[in-house]
Amino acid sequence: QGGNETAPVFALSSQCFSFTGGSCVSEACAPYRLATCQSGKCVCNGCSGVDGRCYHQRNKLIAKNVLIRNGKYTHYKMYFQRMSTFGQMKTTM
């Protein structure tokens, strides 16, 4: 009625990233994720792990300032986007 909806709020820090990488636009979130659907995204009540599943613990820092180089094309660098639909790795140009 009033059009007074707010955007869903979920954690986006390196210690707790709530978006699992899953989509629920056309069907429910996969049961193994233990996530809920918010605006077409499968989101955790806690934090998402690298496997796209929800956990009730924060991420542990194991390394920082890591740079991954391409062995064949050394002028390219590989990185993960901060926010991505599919969590895919990208390369610089």
N, C-alpha and C. Protein backbone atom coordinates (compact mmCIF):
# COMPACT_ATOMS: atom_id res chain seq x y z
N GLN A 1 0.81 -1.20 0.00
CA GLN A 1 0.00 0.00 0.00
C GLN A 1 0.84 1.26 0.00
N GLY A 2 1.56 1.51 1.10
CA GLY A 2 2.27 2.76 1.25
C GLY A 2 3.57 2.83 0.46
N GLY A 3 4.07 1.68 -0.05
CA GLY A 3 5.33 1.67 -0.78
C GLY A 3 6.50 2.08 0.10
N ASN A 4 6.40 1.78 1.39
CA ASN A 4 7.39 2.21 2.37
C ASN A 4 8.33 1.07 2.74
N GLU A 5 8.60 0.17 1.78
CA GLU A 5 9.46 -0.97 2.07
C GLU A 5 10.91 -0.55 2.14
N THR A 6 11.65 -1.19 3.03
CA THR A 6 13.08 -0.91 3.12
C THR A 6 13.85 -2.08 2.52
N ALA A 7 15.04 -1.81 2.06
CA ALA A 7 15.89 -2.87 1.50
C ALA A 7 16.30 -3.82 2.60
N PRO A 8 16.44 -5.11 2.29
CA PRO A 8 16.86 -6.06 3.32
C PRO A 8 18.27 -5.73 3.81
N VAL A 9 18.47 -5.95 5.09
CA VAL A 9 19.77 -5.67 5.68
C VAL A 9 20.41 -7.00 6.02
N PHE A 10 21.61 -7.23 5.50
CA PHE A 10 22.35 -8.42 5.87
C PHE A 10 23.83 -8.07 5.94
N ALA A 11 24.58 -8.87 6.69
CA ALA A 11 25.98 -8.59 6.97
C ALA A 11 26.83 -8.66 5.71
N LEU A 12 27.71 -7.69 5.55
CA LEU A 12 28.60 -7.65 4.38
C LEU A 12 30.05 -7.42 4.77
N SER A 13 30.43 -7.81 5.98
CA SER A 13 31.82 -7.60 6.40
C SER A 13 32.64 -8.86 6.14
N SER A 14 33.95 -8.73 6.23
CA SER A 14 34.81 -9.89 6.02
C SER A 14 34.67 -10.91 7.16
N GLN A 15 34.22 -10.46 8.32
CA GLN A 15 34.03 -11.37 9.45
C GLN A 15 32.70 -12.11 9.38
N CYS A 16 31.73 -11.53 8.71
CA CYS A 16 30.43 -12.17 8.59
C CYS A 16 29.73 -11.69 7.32
N PHE A 17 29.68 -12.57 6.34
CA PHE A 17 29.04 -12.27 5.06
C PHE A 17 27.79 -13.14 4.98
N SER A 18 26.62 -12.53 5.03
CA SER A 18 25.37 -13.29 5.14
C SER A 18 24.83 -13.83 3.82
N PHE A 19 25.20 -13.24 2.70
CA PHE A 19 24.68 -13.70 1.42
C PHE A 19 25.37 -15.00 1.03
N THR A 20 24.60 -16.05 0.77
CA THR A 20 25.14 -17.37 0.47
C THR A 20 25.60 -17.53 -0.97
N GLY A 21 25.17 -16.65 -1.84
CA GLY A 21 25.46 -16.80 -3.26
C GLY A 21 24.30 -17.45 -4.00
N GLY A 22 23.31 -17.92 -3.24
CA GLY A 22 22.15 -18.57 -3.84
C GLY A 22 21.06 -17.59 -4.23
N SER A 23 20.24 -18.01 -5.17
CA SER A 23 19.13 -17.19 -5.65
C SER A 23 17.81 -17.90 -5.34
N CYS A 24 16.80 -17.12 -5.02
CA CYS A 24 15.48 -17.68 -4.76
C CYS A 24 14.42 -16.92 -5.55
N VAL A 25 14.79 -16.47 -6.73
CA VAL A 25 13.86 -15.72 -7.58
C VAL A 25 12.80 -16.66 -8.14
N SER A 26 13.21 -17.84 -8.62
CA SER A 26 12.26 -18.75 -9.25
C SER A 26 11.90 -19.95 -8.38
N GLU A 27 12.69 -20.24 -7.36
CA GLU A 27 12.37 -21.33 -6.44
C GLU A 27 13.01 -21.05 -5.09
N ALA A 28 12.63 -21.84 -4.09
CA ALA A 28 13.11 -21.62 -2.72
C ALA A 28 14.62 -21.86 -2.63
N CYS A 29 15.22 -21.32 -1.59
CA CYS A 29 16.64 -21.56 -1.32
C CYS A 29 16.86 -23.06 -1.12
N ALA A 30 17.99 -23.55 -1.60
CA ALA A 30 18.32 -24.96 -1.42
C ALA A 30 18.34 -25.29 0.07
N PRO A 31 17.72 -26.40 0.47
CA PRO A 31 17.64 -26.74 1.90
C PRO A 31 18.99 -26.83 2.60
N TYR A 32 20.04 -27.28 1.91
CA TYR A 32 21.35 -27.42 2.56
C TYR A 32 21.92 -26.08 3.00
N ARG A 33 21.46 -24.96 2.41
CA ARG A 33 21.98 -23.64 2.76
C ARG A 33 21.52 -23.18 4.16
N LEU A 34 20.34 -23.65 4.60
CA LEU A 34 19.75 -23.22 5.86
C LEU A 34 19.50 -21.71 5.86
N ALA A 35 19.15 -21.16 4.70
CA ALA A 35 18.98 -19.72 4.51
C ALA A 35 17.52 -19.37 4.29
N THR A 36 17.22 -18.08 4.38
CA THR A 36 15.89 -17.58 4.07
C THR A 36 15.98 -16.70 2.83
N CYS A 37 14.86 -16.55 2.15
CA CYS A 37 14.81 -15.75 0.92
C CYS A 37 14.49 -14.29 1.25
N GLN A 38 15.36 -13.39 0.80
CA GLN A 38 15.14 -11.95 0.97
C GLN A 38 15.41 -11.27 -0.37
N SER A 39 14.38 -10.72 -0.96
CA SER A 39 14.51 -10.00 -2.23
C SER A 39 15.23 -10.81 -3.30
N GLY A 40 14.91 -12.09 -3.39
CA GLY A 40 15.48 -12.95 -4.42
C GLY A 40 16.85 -13.51 -4.11
N LYS A 41 17.38 -13.26 -2.91
CA LYS A 41 18.70 -13.76 -2.51
C LYS A 41 18.56 -14.66 -1.28
N CYS A 42 19.34 -15.73 -1.25
CA CYS A 42 19.35 -16.63 -0.10
C CYS A 42 20.31 -16.05 0.94
N VAL A 43 19.77 -15.67 2.08
CA VAL A 43 20.52 -14.93 3.09
C VAL A 43 20.48 -15.68 4.42
N CYS A 44 21.59 -15.66 5.13
CA CYS A 44 21.71 -16.32 6.44
C CYS A 44 21.24 -15.42 7.57
N ASN A 45 20.74 -16.04 8.61
CA ASN A 45 20.47 -15.34 9.86
C ASN A 45 21.79 -15.14 10.61
N GLY A 46 22.77 -15.97 10.31
CA GLY A 46 24.13 -15.85 10.85
C GLY A 46 25.07 -15.46 9.74
N CYS A 47 26.13 -16.25 9.55
CA CYS A 47 27.14 -15.95 8.53
C CYS A 47 27.23 -17.10 7.54
N SER A 48 27.51 -16.77 6.30
CA SER A 48 27.66 -17.76 5.25
C SER A 48 29.09 -18.26 5.20
N GLY A 49 29.26 -19.56 5.00
CA GLY A 49 30.59 -20.13 4.82
C GLY A 49 30.95 -20.15 3.35
N VAL A 50 32.17 -20.58 3.04
CA VAL A 50 32.62 -20.65 1.65
C VAL A 50 31.82 -21.66 0.84
N ASP A 51 31.15 -22.58 1.53
CA ASP A 51 30.32 -23.58 0.86
C ASP A 51 28.90 -23.08 0.59
N GLY A 52 28.61 -21.80 0.92
CA GLY A 52 27.29 -21.24 0.66
C GLY A 52 26.24 -21.67 1.66
N ARG A 53 26.66 -22.21 2.79
CA ARG A 53 25.76 -22.67 3.84
C ARG A 53 25.85 -21.73 5.03
N CYS A 54 24.76 -21.63 5.79
CA CYS A 54 24.71 -20.73 6.95
C CYS A 54 25.30 -21.38 8.20
N TYR A 55 26.03 -20.57 8.96
CA TYR A 55 26.65 -21.01 10.21
C TYR A 55 26.40 -19.95 11.28
N HIS A 56 26.49 -20.34 12.54
CA HIS A 56 26.30 -19.41 13.66
C HIS A 56 27.65 -19.02 14.26
N GLN A 57 28.63 -18.80 13.42
CA GLN A 57 29.94 -18.34 13.86
C GLN A 57 30.50 -17.37 12.83
N ARG A 58 31.41 -16.54 13.26
CA ARG A 58 32.02 -15.56 12.36
C ARG A 58 33.19 -16.19 11.62
N ASN A 59 33.58 -15.59 10.51
CA ASN A 59 34.74 -16.06 9.76
C ASN A 59 36.02 -15.74 10.52
N LYS A 60 37.01 -16.58 10.35
CA LYS A 60 38.31 -16.39 10.99
C LYS A 60 39.31 -15.93 9.94
N LEU A 61 40.02 -14.85 10.22
CA LEU A 61 41.04 -14.35 9.31
C LEU A 61 42.21 -15.32 9.27
N ILE A 62 42.53 -15.81 8.09
CA ILE A 62 43.66 -16.73 7.96
C ILE A 62 44.81 -16.11 7.15
N ALA A 63 44.52 -15.05 6.41
CA ALA A 63 45.55 -14.34 5.65
C ALA A 63 45.00 -12.99 5.22
N LYS A 64 45.89 -12.04 4.98
CA LYS A 64 45.44 -10.77 4.44
C LYS A 64 46.50 -10.20 3.52
N ASN A 65 46.07 -9.27 2.69
CA ASN A 65 46.95 -8.68 1.67
C ASN A 65 47.55 -9.75 0.77
N VAL A 66 46.71 -10.71 0.36
CA VAL A 66 47.14 -11.78 -0.52
C VAL A 66 46.89 -11.37 -1.96
N LEU A 67 47.86 -11.57 -2.81
CA LEU A 67 47.74 -11.26 -4.22
C LEU A 67 47.97 -12.55 -5.00
N ILE A 68 47.05 -12.90 -5.85
CA ILE A 68 47.16 -14.11 -6.66
C ILE A 68 47.49 -13.69 -8.08
N ARG A 69 48.59 -14.18 -8.59
CA ARG A 69 48.99 -13.84 -9.96
C ARG A 69 48.77 -15.04 -10.88
N ASN A 70 48.51 -14.72 -12.12
CA ASN A 70 48.35 -15.74 -13.14
C ASN A 70 49.76 -16.17 -13.58
N GLY A 71 50.06 -17.45 -13.51
CA GLY A 71 51.39 -17.94 -13.85
C GLY A 71 51.75 -17.77 -15.32
N LYS A 72 50.78 -17.85 -16.20
CA LYS A 72 51.06 -17.74 -17.63
C LYS A 72 51.07 -16.28 -18.09
N TYR A 73 50.10 -15.51 -17.61
CA TYR A 73 49.98 -14.10 -17.98
C TYR A 73 50.22 -13.26 -16.73
N THR A 74 51.47 -13.00 -16.41
CA THR A 74 51.85 -12.41 -15.13
C THR A 74 51.35 -10.98 -14.93
N HIS A 75 50.94 -10.30 -15.98
CA HIS A 75 50.42 -8.94 -15.81
C HIS A 75 48.97 -8.94 -15.33
N TYR A 76 48.32 -10.10 -15.32
CA TYR A 76 46.96 -10.21 -14.79
C TYR A 76 47.01 -10.58 -13.32
N LYS A 77 46.08 -10.04 -12.55
CA LYS A 77 45.93 -10.40 -11.14
C LYS A 77 44.52 -10.94 -10.95
N MET A 78 44.35 -11.92 -10.07
CA MET A 78 43.04 -12.51 -9.82
C MET A 78 42.52 -12.05 -8.46
N TYR A 79 41.22 -11.85 -8.37
CA TYR A 79 40.62 -11.39 -7.12
C TYR A 79 39.16 -11.82 -7.05
N PHE A 80 38.61 -11.81 -5.83
CA PHE A 80 37.20 -12.05 -5.63
C PHE A 80 36.52 -10.70 -5.43
N GLN A 81 35.37 -10.53 -6.06
CA GLN A 81 34.61 -9.30 -5.87
C GLN A 81 34.05 -9.26 -4.46
N ARG A 82 33.87 -8.08 -3.93
CA ARG A 82 33.28 -7.95 -2.60
C ARG A 82 31.84 -8.45 -2.60
N MET A 83 31.09 -8.13 -3.62
CA MET A 83 29.70 -8.59 -3.76
C MET A 83 29.52 -9.11 -5.17
N SER A 84 29.09 -10.34 -5.30
CA SER A 84 28.95 -10.95 -6.61
C SER A 84 27.75 -11.88 -6.61
N THR A 85 27.07 -11.97 -7.72
CA THR A 85 25.91 -12.85 -7.83
C THR A 85 26.31 -14.30 -7.65
N PHE A 86 27.39 -14.73 -8.27
CA PHE A 86 27.79 -16.12 -8.21
C PHE A 86 29.09 -16.35 -7.45
N GLY A 87 29.68 -15.32 -6.85
CA GLY A 87 30.90 -15.47 -6.07
C GLY A 87 32.10 -15.84 -6.90
N GLN A 88 32.09 -15.52 -8.16
CA GLN A 88 33.17 -15.93 -9.05
C GLN A 88 34.42 -15.06 -8.91
N MET A 89 35.54 -15.65 -9.28
CA MET A 89 36.81 -14.93 -9.27
C MET A 89 36.90 -14.10 -10.55
N LYS A 90 37.53 -12.95 -10.46
CA LYS A 90 37.71 -12.06 -11.61
C LYS A 90 39.19 -11.86 -11.85
N THR A 91 39.53 -11.31 -13.03
CA THR A 91 40.90 -10.95 -13.33
C THR A 91 40.97 -9.48 -13.75
N THR A 92 42.09 -8.86 -13.45
CA THR A 92 42.31 -7.49 -13.89
C THR A 92 42.73 -7.51 -15.35
N MET A 93 42.66 -6.40 -16.00
CA MET A 93 43.09 -6.30 -17.40
C MET A 93 44.40 -5.59 -17.50
